[in-house]
N, C-alpha and C. Protein backbone atom coordinates (compact mmCIF):
# COMPACT_ATOMS: atom_id res chain seq x y z
N UNK A 1 -64.76 -72.63 34.26
CA UNK A 1 -64.23 -73.41 35.37
C UNK A 1 -64.12 -74.88 34.99
N UNK A 2 -65.09 -75.36 34.23
CA UNK A 2 -65.07 -76.76 33.82
C UNK A 2 -63.94 -77.03 32.84
N UNK A 3 -63.66 -76.08 31.95
CA UNK A 3 -62.56 -76.24 31.00
C UNK A 3 -61.24 -76.34 31.76
N UNK A 4 -61.05 -75.50 32.77
CA UNK A 4 -59.83 -75.56 33.57
C UNK A 4 -59.72 -76.92 34.25
N UNK A 5 -60.84 -77.42 34.77
CA UNK A 5 -60.84 -78.74 35.41
C UNK A 5 -60.50 -79.86 34.43
N UNK A 6 -61.06 -79.80 33.23
CA UNK A 6 -60.78 -80.82 32.21
C UNK A 6 -59.31 -80.78 31.81
N UNK A 7 -58.77 -79.57 31.61
CA UNK A 7 -57.36 -79.45 31.23
C UNK A 7 -56.44 -79.92 32.36
N UNK A 8 -56.83 -79.65 33.60
CA UNK A 8 -56.05 -80.11 34.75
C UNK A 8 -56.03 -81.64 34.81
N UNK A 9 -57.18 -82.26 34.58
CA UNK A 9 -57.25 -83.73 34.57
C UNK A 9 -56.39 -84.30 33.45
N UNK A 10 -56.37 -83.65 32.31
CA UNK A 10 -55.56 -84.11 31.19
C UNK A 10 -54.09 -84.02 31.53
N UNK A 11 -53.66 -82.92 32.17
CA UNK A 11 -52.27 -82.75 32.55
C UNK A 11 -51.83 -83.81 33.57
N UNK A 12 -52.75 -84.19 34.46
CA UNK A 12 -52.43 -85.19 35.48
C UNK A 12 -52.70 -86.61 34.99
N UNK A 13 -53.02 -86.74 33.70
CA UNK A 13 -53.26 -88.03 33.05
C UNK A 13 -54.39 -88.80 33.73
N UNK A 14 -55.44 -88.08 34.12
CA UNK A 14 -56.62 -88.70 34.70
C UNK A 14 -57.70 -88.73 33.63
N UNK A 15 -58.17 -89.91 33.29
CA UNK A 15 -59.21 -90.04 32.29
C UNK A 15 -60.54 -90.31 32.98
N UNK A 16 -61.35 -89.27 33.11
CA UNK A 16 -62.64 -89.41 33.75
C UNK A 16 -63.72 -89.51 32.68
N UNK A 17 -64.80 -90.19 33.01
CA UNK A 17 -65.89 -90.36 32.06
C UNK A 17 -66.65 -89.05 31.87
N UNK A 18 -67.46 -89.01 30.82
CA UNK A 18 -68.26 -87.80 30.58
C UNK A 18 -69.28 -87.61 31.70
N UNK A 19 -69.76 -88.71 32.29
CA UNK A 19 -70.71 -88.61 33.41
C UNK A 19 -70.05 -87.92 34.60
N UNK A 20 -68.79 -88.25 34.87
CA UNK A 20 -68.08 -87.61 35.99
C UNK A 20 -67.86 -86.13 35.71
N UNK A 21 -67.59 -85.80 34.47
CA UNK A 21 -67.39 -84.39 34.11
C UNK A 21 -68.71 -83.62 34.18
N UNK A 22 -69.82 -84.28 33.82
CA UNK A 22 -71.13 -83.62 33.93
C UNK A 22 -71.49 -83.42 35.40
N UNK A 23 -71.14 -84.37 36.26
CA UNK A 23 -71.35 -84.20 37.71
C UNK A 23 -70.56 -83.02 38.24
N UNK A 24 -69.34 -82.86 37.74
CA UNK A 24 -68.52 -81.72 38.14
C UNK A 24 -69.17 -80.41 37.70
N UNK A 25 -69.76 -80.41 36.50
CA UNK A 25 -70.46 -79.21 36.01
C UNK A 25 -71.63 -78.87 36.93
N UNK A 26 -72.35 -79.89 37.41
CA UNK A 26 -73.46 -79.64 38.34
C UNK A 26 -72.94 -79.09 39.67
N UNK A 27 -71.79 -79.58 40.16
CA UNK A 27 -71.20 -79.06 41.39
C UNK A 27 -70.81 -77.60 41.22
N UNK A 28 -70.19 -77.28 40.10
CA UNK A 28 -69.80 -75.89 39.83
C UNK A 28 -71.04 -75.01 39.78
N UNK A 29 -72.10 -75.50 39.12
CA UNK A 29 -73.35 -74.75 39.02
C UNK A 29 -73.93 -74.49 40.41
N UNK A 30 -73.90 -75.53 41.27
CA UNK A 30 -74.42 -75.37 42.64
C UNK A 30 -73.62 -74.33 43.42
N UNK A 31 -72.31 -74.36 43.29
CA UNK A 31 -71.46 -73.38 43.99
C UNK A 31 -71.72 -71.96 43.49
N UNK A 32 -71.89 -71.81 42.18
CA UNK A 32 -72.15 -70.48 41.63
C UNK A 32 -73.51 -69.95 42.08
N UNK A 33 -74.50 -70.84 42.21
CA UNK A 33 -75.81 -70.41 42.71
C UNK A 33 -75.71 -69.91 44.15
N UNK A 34 -74.93 -70.60 44.96
CA UNK A 34 -74.78 -70.18 46.36
C UNK A 34 -74.09 -68.83 46.45
N UNK A 35 -73.08 -68.61 45.63
CA UNK A 35 -72.36 -67.33 45.64
C UNK A 35 -73.25 -66.21 45.11
N UNK A 36 -74.01 -66.50 44.06
CA UNK A 36 -74.82 -65.49 43.40
C UNK A 36 -76.05 -65.14 44.23
N UNK A 37 -76.63 -66.14 44.88
CA UNK A 37 -77.83 -65.90 45.68
C UNK A 37 -79.05 -65.64 44.82
N UNK A 38 -78.96 -65.86 43.53
CA UNK A 38 -80.09 -65.62 42.62
C UNK A 38 -81.04 -66.80 42.58
N UNK A 39 -82.01 -66.67 41.70
CA UNK A 39 -82.98 -67.76 41.58
C UNK A 39 -82.38 -68.91 40.76
N UNK A 40 -82.87 -70.09 41.03
CA UNK A 40 -82.30 -71.28 40.41
C UNK A 40 -82.95 -71.55 39.06
N UNK A 41 -82.15 -71.53 37.99
CA UNK A 41 -82.62 -71.94 36.67
C UNK A 41 -82.41 -73.44 36.55
N UNK A 42 -83.31 -74.13 35.88
CA UNK A 42 -83.12 -75.58 35.75
C UNK A 42 -81.89 -75.88 34.89
N UNK A 43 -81.01 -76.68 35.44
CA UNK A 43 -79.80 -77.09 34.73
C UNK A 43 -79.57 -78.56 35.01
N UNK A 44 -79.47 -79.35 33.96
CA UNK A 44 -79.39 -80.80 34.11
C UNK A 44 -78.00 -81.35 33.78
N UNK A 45 -77.16 -80.62 33.08
CA UNK A 45 -75.86 -81.13 32.61
C UNK A 45 -76.05 -82.43 31.84
N UNK A 46 -76.95 -82.39 30.87
CA UNK A 46 -77.27 -83.58 30.08
C UNK A 46 -76.15 -83.91 29.11
N UNK A 47 -76.27 -85.06 28.45
CA UNK A 47 -75.28 -85.44 27.45
C UNK A 47 -75.26 -84.45 26.30
N UNK A 48 -76.44 -84.00 25.90
CA UNK A 48 -76.53 -83.01 24.82
C UNK A 48 -75.84 -81.71 25.20
N UNK A 49 -76.09 -81.24 26.42
CA UNK A 49 -75.41 -80.02 26.89
C UNK A 49 -73.91 -80.22 26.88
N UNK A 50 -73.45 -81.38 27.38
CA UNK A 50 -72.02 -81.64 27.47
C UNK A 50 -71.39 -81.70 26.08
N UNK A 51 -72.06 -82.31 25.12
CA UNK A 51 -71.54 -82.36 23.75
C UNK A 51 -71.44 -80.96 23.14
N UNK A 52 -72.43 -80.12 23.38
CA UNK A 52 -72.37 -78.73 22.89
C UNK A 52 -71.27 -77.96 23.59
N UNK A 53 -71.09 -78.21 24.89
CA UNK A 53 -70.02 -77.58 25.64
C UNK A 53 -68.67 -77.93 25.04
N UNK A 54 -68.44 -79.23 24.76
CA UNK A 54 -67.18 -79.67 24.15
C UNK A 54 -66.97 -78.98 22.81
N UNK A 55 -68.04 -78.90 22.01
CA UNK A 55 -67.93 -78.28 20.69
C UNK A 55 -67.60 -76.79 20.81
N UNK A 56 -68.28 -76.10 21.72
CA UNK A 56 -68.04 -74.66 21.89
C UNK A 56 -66.64 -74.37 22.44
N UNK A 57 -66.13 -75.24 23.29
CA UNK A 57 -64.81 -75.03 23.88
C UNK A 57 -63.70 -75.66 23.05
N UNK A 58 -64.06 -76.20 21.89
CA UNK A 58 -63.10 -76.81 20.96
C UNK A 58 -62.32 -77.95 21.62
N UNK A 59 -63.02 -78.79 22.37
CA UNK A 59 -62.43 -79.96 23.01
C UNK A 59 -62.95 -81.20 22.28
N UNK A 60 -62.12 -82.22 22.16
CA UNK A 60 -62.60 -83.46 21.58
C UNK A 60 -62.03 -84.64 22.33
N UNK A 61 -62.66 -85.77 22.12
CA UNK A 61 -62.30 -87.00 22.80
C UNK A 61 -61.36 -87.79 21.90
N UNK A 62 -60.18 -88.09 22.39
CA UNK A 62 -59.23 -88.88 21.62
C UNK A 62 -58.87 -90.13 22.40
N UNK A 63 -58.45 -91.13 21.68
CA UNK A 63 -58.07 -92.39 22.29
C UNK A 63 -56.58 -92.34 22.61
N UNK A 64 -56.23 -92.61 23.86
CA UNK A 64 -54.84 -92.64 24.26
C UNK A 64 -54.26 -93.97 23.82
N UNK A 65 -53.14 -93.94 23.10
CA UNK A 65 -52.53 -95.17 22.63
C UNK A 65 -51.06 -95.18 22.97
N UNK A 66 -50.51 -96.36 22.95
CA UNK A 66 -49.07 -96.51 23.13
C UNK A 66 -48.61 -96.09 24.50
N UNK A 67 -47.42 -95.56 24.55
CA UNK A 67 -46.79 -95.19 25.80
C UNK A 67 -46.95 -93.72 26.13
N UNK A 68 -47.76 -92.99 25.36
CA UNK A 68 -47.86 -91.55 25.59
C UNK A 68 -48.41 -91.21 26.96
N UNK A 69 -49.28 -92.06 27.49
CA UNK A 69 -49.85 -91.77 28.80
C UNK A 69 -48.87 -92.04 29.93
N UNK A 70 -47.88 -92.89 29.70
CA UNK A 70 -46.97 -93.25 30.77
C UNK A 70 -45.63 -92.51 30.71
N UNK A 71 -45.46 -91.62 29.76
CA UNK A 71 -44.18 -90.93 29.60
C UNK A 71 -43.95 -89.95 30.75
N UNK A 72 -42.73 -89.94 31.26
CA UNK A 72 -42.33 -89.02 32.32
C UNK A 72 -41.62 -87.84 31.65
N UNK A 73 -42.36 -86.78 31.38
CA UNK A 73 -41.84 -85.64 30.62
C UNK A 73 -40.78 -84.87 31.40
N UNK A 74 -40.91 -84.79 32.72
CA UNK A 74 -39.93 -84.08 33.52
C UNK A 74 -38.57 -84.80 33.48
N UNK A 75 -38.60 -86.12 33.62
CA UNK A 75 -37.35 -86.89 33.57
C UNK A 75 -36.73 -86.79 32.18
N UNK A 76 -37.57 -86.79 31.14
CA UNK A 76 -37.05 -86.68 29.77
C UNK A 76 -36.39 -85.32 29.55
N UNK A 77 -36.91 -84.27 30.17
CA UNK A 77 -36.32 -82.94 30.01
C UNK A 77 -34.96 -82.85 30.72
N UNK A 78 -34.81 -83.56 31.84
CA UNK A 78 -33.56 -83.52 32.61
C UNK A 78 -32.49 -84.45 32.05
N UNK A 79 -32.89 -85.46 31.29
CA UNK A 79 -31.96 -86.50 30.84
C UNK A 79 -30.80 -85.98 30.00
N UNK A 80 -31.01 -85.07 29.03
CA UNK A 80 -29.86 -84.64 28.21
C UNK A 80 -28.71 -84.04 29.02
N UNK A 81 -29.04 -83.27 30.06
CA UNK A 81 -27.98 -82.68 30.89
C UNK A 81 -27.18 -83.78 31.60
N UNK A 82 -27.87 -84.76 32.15
CA UNK A 82 -27.20 -85.85 32.85
C UNK A 82 -26.34 -86.69 31.91
N UNK A 83 -26.85 -86.92 30.71
CA UNK A 83 -26.10 -87.68 29.73
C UNK A 83 -24.84 -86.92 29.30
N UNK A 84 -24.97 -85.62 29.09
CA UNK A 84 -23.80 -84.81 28.72
C UNK A 84 -22.74 -84.86 29.82
N UNK A 85 -23.17 -84.85 31.07
CA UNK A 85 -22.23 -84.92 32.19
C UNK A 85 -21.50 -86.26 32.20
N UNK A 86 -22.20 -87.35 31.97
CA UNK A 86 -21.57 -88.68 31.93
C UNK A 86 -20.58 -88.76 30.78
N UNK A 87 -20.97 -88.27 29.62
CA UNK A 87 -20.09 -88.30 28.44
C UNK A 87 -18.83 -87.49 28.70
N UNK A 88 -18.97 -86.31 29.31
CA UNK A 88 -17.81 -85.46 29.60
C UNK A 88 -16.92 -86.09 30.67
N UNK A 89 -17.52 -86.63 31.73
CA UNK A 89 -16.73 -87.23 32.83
C UNK A 89 -15.96 -88.46 32.37
N UNK A 90 -16.55 -89.28 31.54
CA UNK A 90 -15.91 -90.52 31.11
C UNK A 90 -15.03 -90.33 29.86
N UNK A 91 -15.14 -89.18 29.21
CA UNK A 91 -14.31 -88.89 28.05
C UNK A 91 -14.73 -89.60 26.77
N UNK A 92 -16.04 -89.88 26.63
CA UNK A 92 -16.52 -90.54 25.42
C UNK A 92 -16.60 -89.54 24.28
N UNK A 93 -16.39 -90.01 23.07
CA UNK A 93 -16.59 -89.18 21.89
C UNK A 93 -17.99 -89.47 21.34
N UNK A 94 -18.55 -88.57 20.53
CA UNK A 94 -19.89 -88.82 19.95
C UNK A 94 -19.95 -90.10 19.12
N UNK A 95 -18.81 -90.56 18.62
CA UNK A 95 -18.79 -91.80 17.84
C UNK A 95 -18.97 -93.03 18.74
N UNK A 96 -18.73 -92.87 20.04
CA UNK A 96 -18.84 -93.99 20.97
C UNK A 96 -20.19 -94.05 21.68
N UNK A 97 -21.02 -93.04 21.51
CA UNK A 97 -22.31 -92.97 22.20
C UNK A 97 -23.40 -93.43 21.22
N UNK A 98 -24.10 -94.49 21.58
CA UNK A 98 -25.14 -95.05 20.73
C UNK A 98 -26.50 -94.96 21.41
N UNK A 99 -27.52 -94.90 20.60
CA UNK A 99 -28.90 -94.97 21.09
C UNK A 99 -29.63 -96.01 20.26
N UNK A 100 -30.44 -96.79 20.94
CA UNK A 100 -31.26 -97.81 20.27
C UNK A 100 -32.68 -97.66 20.78
N UNK A 101 -33.63 -97.79 19.88
CA UNK A 101 -35.04 -97.73 20.27
C UNK A 101 -35.82 -98.70 19.41
N UNK A 102 -36.85 -99.25 20.01
CA UNK A 102 -37.68 -100.20 19.29
C UNK A 102 -39.08 -99.64 19.11
N UNK A 103 -39.74 -100.11 18.07
CA UNK A 103 -41.12 -99.70 17.84
C UNK A 103 -41.89 -100.90 17.31
N UNK A 104 -43.11 -100.99 17.72
CA UNK A 104 -43.97 -102.07 17.26
C UNK A 104 -44.70 -101.65 15.99
N UNK A 105 -44.84 -102.57 15.08
CA UNK A 105 -45.56 -102.31 13.85
C UNK A 105 -46.64 -103.36 13.70
N UNK A 106 -47.90 -102.94 13.85
CA UNK A 106 -49.03 -103.83 13.65
C UNK A 106 -49.42 -103.70 12.19
N UNK A 107 -48.87 -104.52 11.36
CA UNK A 107 -48.96 -104.33 9.93
C UNK A 107 -50.27 -104.79 9.32
N UNK A 108 -51.15 -105.44 10.06
CA UNK A 108 -52.46 -105.83 9.53
C UNK A 108 -53.61 -105.13 10.26
N UNK A 109 -53.30 -104.28 11.21
CA UNK A 109 -54.32 -103.68 12.05
C UNK A 109 -55.08 -102.60 11.30
N UNK A 110 -56.40 -102.70 11.33
CA UNK A 110 -57.27 -101.72 10.69
C UNK A 110 -57.59 -100.61 11.69
N UNK A 111 -58.02 -99.44 11.22
CA UNK A 111 -58.38 -98.35 12.15
C UNK A 111 -59.48 -98.78 13.10
N UNK A 112 -59.40 -98.31 14.35
CA UNK A 112 -60.39 -98.71 15.35
C UNK A 112 -61.59 -97.77 15.39
N UNK A 113 -61.49 -96.63 14.74
CA UNK A 113 -62.60 -95.68 14.74
C UNK A 113 -62.94 -95.28 13.30
N UNK A 114 -63.72 -96.09 12.61
CA UNK A 114 -64.07 -95.75 11.23
C UNK A 114 -65.15 -94.67 11.19
N UNK A 115 -65.22 -93.97 10.08
CA UNK A 115 -66.28 -92.99 9.87
C UNK A 115 -67.45 -93.69 9.20
N UNK A 116 -68.66 -93.48 9.72
CA UNK A 116 -69.85 -94.06 9.12
C UNK A 116 -70.89 -92.96 8.95
N UNK A 117 -71.88 -93.22 8.13
CA UNK A 117 -72.91 -92.20 7.91
C UNK A 117 -73.78 -92.07 9.16
N UNK A 118 -74.48 -90.96 9.28
CA UNK A 118 -75.28 -90.70 10.46
C UNK A 118 -76.48 -91.63 10.55
N UNK A 119 -76.91 -92.21 9.42
CA UNK A 119 -78.04 -93.12 9.43
C UNK A 119 -77.67 -94.47 10.03
N UNK A 120 -76.40 -94.85 9.94
CA UNK A 120 -75.96 -96.14 10.47
C UNK A 120 -75.72 -96.03 11.97
N UNK A 121 -76.08 -97.08 12.68
CA UNK A 121 -75.90 -97.09 14.14
C UNK A 121 -74.55 -97.66 14.53
N UNK A 122 -74.13 -98.73 13.85
CA UNK A 122 -72.86 -99.38 14.18
C UNK A 122 -72.10 -99.66 12.88
N UNK A 123 -70.82 -99.84 13.01
CA UNK A 123 -69.99 -100.18 11.86
C UNK A 123 -69.75 -101.69 11.87
N UNK A 124 -69.97 -102.31 10.73
CA UNK A 124 -69.69 -103.73 10.60
C UNK A 124 -68.18 -103.91 10.54
N UNK A 125 -67.72 -104.97 11.10
CA UNK A 125 -66.28 -105.19 11.07
C UNK A 125 -65.94 -106.64 11.33
N UNK A 126 -64.69 -106.89 11.35
CA UNK A 126 -64.18 -108.22 11.63
C UNK A 126 -63.22 -108.11 12.81
N UNK A 127 -62.88 -109.24 13.37
CA UNK A 127 -61.93 -109.24 14.49
C UNK A 127 -60.60 -108.69 14.01
N UNK A 128 -60.03 -107.80 14.78
CA UNK A 128 -58.79 -107.14 14.39
C UNK A 128 -57.63 -108.13 14.39
N UNK A 129 -56.89 -108.14 13.30
CA UNK A 129 -55.67 -108.94 13.23
C UNK A 129 -54.57 -108.17 13.94
N UNK A 130 -53.85 -108.85 14.79
CA UNK A 130 -52.82 -108.17 15.57
C UNK A 130 -51.44 -108.72 15.24
N UNK A 131 -51.22 -109.01 13.96
CA UNK A 131 -49.90 -109.47 13.56
C UNK A 131 -48.93 -108.33 13.77
N UNK A 132 -47.91 -108.61 14.54
CA UNK A 132 -47.00 -107.57 14.98
C UNK A 132 -45.57 -107.97 14.67
N UNK A 133 -44.81 -106.98 14.31
CA UNK A 133 -43.37 -107.18 14.28
C UNK A 133 -42.74 -105.98 14.96
N UNK A 134 -41.55 -106.18 15.46
CA UNK A 134 -40.84 -105.12 16.17
C UNK A 134 -39.61 -104.73 15.37
N UNK A 135 -39.38 -103.43 15.27
CA UNK A 135 -38.22 -102.91 14.56
C UNK A 135 -37.33 -102.21 15.58
N UNK A 136 -36.05 -102.57 15.59
CA UNK A 136 -35.09 -101.95 16.49
C UNK A 136 -34.10 -101.18 15.64
N UNK A 137 -33.98 -99.89 15.90
CA UNK A 137 -33.07 -99.01 15.17
C UNK A 137 -31.99 -98.52 16.13
N UNK A 138 -30.77 -98.37 15.61
CA UNK A 138 -29.66 -97.97 16.46
C UNK A 138 -28.67 -97.14 15.65
N UNK A 139 -28.11 -96.11 16.27
CA UNK A 139 -27.10 -95.27 15.62
C UNK A 139 -26.29 -94.55 16.66
N UNK A 140 -25.20 -93.91 16.22
CA UNK A 140 -24.36 -93.20 17.18
C UNK A 140 -24.67 -91.71 17.18
N UNK A 141 -24.17 -91.01 18.19
CA UNK A 141 -24.46 -89.59 18.37
C UNK A 141 -23.83 -88.73 17.28
N UNK A 142 -22.73 -89.19 16.70
CA UNK A 142 -22.09 -88.43 15.63
C UNK A 142 -22.91 -88.50 14.35
N UNK A 143 -23.75 -89.49 14.23
CA UNK A 143 -24.60 -89.62 13.05
C UNK A 143 -23.90 -90.24 11.86
N UNK A 144 -22.68 -90.74 12.06
CA UNK A 144 -21.96 -91.32 10.93
C UNK A 144 -22.02 -92.85 10.90
N UNK A 145 -22.68 -93.46 11.88
CA UNK A 145 -22.79 -94.91 11.88
C UNK A 145 -24.20 -95.30 12.29
N UNK A 146 -24.86 -96.04 11.42
CA UNK A 146 -26.20 -96.55 11.70
C UNK A 146 -26.14 -98.07 11.61
N UNK A 147 -26.56 -98.74 12.67
CA UNK A 147 -26.57 -100.20 12.67
C UNK A 147 -27.65 -100.69 11.71
N UNK A 148 -27.47 -101.90 11.24
CA UNK A 148 -28.46 -102.55 10.40
C UNK A 148 -29.74 -102.70 11.23
N UNK A 149 -30.91 -102.30 10.72
CA UNK A 149 -32.14 -102.45 11.52
C UNK A 149 -32.42 -103.91 11.85
N UNK A 150 -32.96 -104.14 13.02
CA UNK A 150 -33.33 -105.48 13.46
C UNK A 150 -34.84 -105.60 13.41
N UNK A 151 -35.34 -106.62 12.75
CA UNK A 151 -36.77 -106.90 12.74
C UNK A 151 -37.00 -108.20 13.48
N UNK A 152 -37.96 -108.17 14.41
CA UNK A 152 -38.29 -109.35 15.19
C UNK A 152 -39.74 -109.70 14.88
N UNK A 153 -39.95 -110.94 14.43
CA UNK A 153 -41.28 -111.43 14.07
C UNK A 153 -41.52 -112.73 14.81
N UNK A 154 -42.70 -113.29 14.71
CA UNK A 154 -42.98 -114.52 15.43
C UNK A 154 -42.57 -115.77 14.64
N UNK A 155 -42.01 -115.60 13.47
CA UNK A 155 -41.56 -116.72 12.66
C UNK A 155 -40.16 -116.42 12.12
N UNK A 156 -39.29 -117.40 12.21
CA UNK A 156 -37.94 -117.20 11.70
C UNK A 156 -37.91 -117.28 10.17
N UNK A 157 -38.79 -118.09 9.61
CA UNK A 157 -38.87 -118.24 8.15
C UNK A 157 -40.30 -118.00 7.68
N UNK A 158 -40.76 -116.75 7.61
CA UNK A 158 -42.13 -116.51 7.15
C UNK A 158 -42.28 -116.91 5.68
N UNK A 159 -43.49 -117.24 5.31
CA UNK A 159 -43.76 -117.75 3.96
C UNK A 159 -43.25 -116.84 2.84
N UNK A 160 -43.43 -115.53 2.90
CA UNK A 160 -42.93 -114.68 1.79
C UNK A 160 -41.41 -114.70 1.63
N UNK A 161 -40.68 -115.12 2.67
CA UNK A 161 -39.22 -115.13 2.60
C UNK A 161 -38.65 -116.52 2.35
N UNK A 162 -39.51 -117.49 2.04
CA UNK A 162 -39.03 -118.85 1.77
C UNK A 162 -38.13 -118.83 0.55
N UNK A 163 -37.03 -119.51 0.66
CA UNK A 163 -36.10 -119.58 -0.46
C UNK A 163 -35.08 -118.45 -0.47
N UNK A 164 -35.27 -117.43 0.37
CA UNK A 164 -34.31 -116.32 0.45
C UNK A 164 -33.34 -116.55 1.60
N UNK A 165 -32.14 -116.12 1.42
CA UNK A 165 -31.17 -116.17 2.50
C UNK A 165 -31.35 -114.92 3.37
N UNK A 166 -31.54 -115.13 4.67
CA UNK A 166 -31.73 -113.98 5.57
C UNK A 166 -30.49 -113.10 5.61
N UNK A 167 -29.33 -113.65 5.29
CA UNK A 167 -28.10 -112.86 5.29
C UNK A 167 -28.07 -111.84 4.16
N UNK A 168 -28.89 -112.06 3.12
CA UNK A 168 -28.91 -111.14 1.98
C UNK A 168 -29.90 -109.99 2.18
N UNK A 169 -30.69 -110.05 3.23
CA UNK A 169 -31.67 -108.99 3.50
C UNK A 169 -30.97 -107.74 4.01
N UNK A 170 -31.54 -106.55 3.77
CA UNK A 170 -30.92 -105.32 4.28
C UNK A 170 -31.19 -105.09 5.77
N UNK A 171 -31.69 -106.12 6.45
CA UNK A 171 -32.00 -106.04 7.87
C UNK A 171 -31.50 -107.30 8.56
N UNK A 172 -31.36 -107.24 9.87
CA UNK A 172 -31.14 -108.44 10.66
C UNK A 172 -32.52 -108.96 11.06
N UNK A 173 -32.68 -110.27 11.02
CA UNK A 173 -34.00 -110.88 11.27
C UNK A 173 -33.89 -111.80 12.47
N UNK A 174 -34.85 -111.69 13.40
CA UNK A 174 -34.90 -112.57 14.56
C UNK A 174 -36.34 -112.97 14.79
N UNK A 175 -36.54 -114.01 15.57
CA UNK A 175 -37.90 -114.49 15.84
C UNK A 175 -38.06 -114.79 17.32
N UNK A 176 -39.19 -114.36 17.87
CA UNK A 176 -39.60 -114.73 19.22
C UNK A 176 -41.07 -115.10 19.15
N UNK A 177 -41.58 -115.71 20.18
CA UNK A 177 -42.96 -116.20 20.17
C UNK A 177 -43.97 -115.08 19.88
N UNK A 178 -43.76 -113.90 20.46
CA UNK A 178 -44.71 -112.80 20.28
C UNK A 178 -44.18 -111.68 19.40
N UNK A 179 -42.99 -111.84 18.85
CA UNK A 179 -42.43 -110.80 17.98
C UNK A 179 -41.87 -109.63 18.76
N UNK A 180 -41.43 -109.87 20.00
CA UNK A 180 -40.88 -108.82 20.83
C UNK A 180 -39.37 -108.94 20.94
N UNK A 181 -38.71 -107.83 21.25
CA UNK A 181 -37.28 -107.86 21.51
C UNK A 181 -37.10 -108.34 22.96
N UNK A 182 -36.52 -109.50 23.10
CA UNK A 182 -36.28 -110.07 24.43
C UNK A 182 -34.82 -109.85 24.81
N UNK A 183 -34.45 -110.22 26.02
CA UNK A 183 -33.07 -110.08 26.46
C UNK A 183 -32.13 -110.90 25.60
N UNK A 184 -32.56 -112.11 25.22
CA UNK A 184 -31.71 -112.97 24.39
C UNK A 184 -31.51 -112.37 23.01
N UNK A 185 -32.55 -111.79 22.43
CA UNK A 185 -32.42 -111.14 21.11
C UNK A 185 -31.47 -109.96 21.21
N UNK A 186 -31.60 -109.16 22.27
CA UNK A 186 -30.70 -108.01 22.45
C UNK A 186 -29.26 -108.47 22.59
N UNK A 187 -29.05 -109.52 23.35
CA UNK A 187 -27.71 -110.03 23.55
C UNK A 187 -27.11 -110.53 22.23
N UNK A 188 -27.92 -111.24 21.45
CA UNK A 188 -27.45 -111.75 20.15
C UNK A 188 -27.08 -110.60 19.23
């Protein structure tokens, strides 16, 4: 019953603490005792019990990152049909239909969950560098035309590119304060 509850919470994108899940285990235990009418065995739903439960049920704790938690999967499943209808109604060819998507690249970021030996209590580390650049890729539905990738960084002339002409790079280069694609960058 607890596994079904955990999977249901995951599907509904609800992230509850292990303490809340252990409380739910105690509630389920109480309900089962009432239905069974048997004698009460001591059950605490301790952290150790919960960890063994996770191991036995092959569940693990992962860190949610990026936009995966906010994605609307139902709308994404319906979108291709709607797009096909628009393309057919307006008479566009696959060469006229383009898609563009951006992705962030934290090129100095170290892993947030290192592996350490069991004897160590904490991992030594330094403050995470969050130097970011954004890459924008674009191409058409026919697959025969790919736009030059756009890279957006927080500096128009970074030190490694000094002396180089940005026009000679295999990418388009832009700069914003935080390295994000803004409306002005998209317009340009």
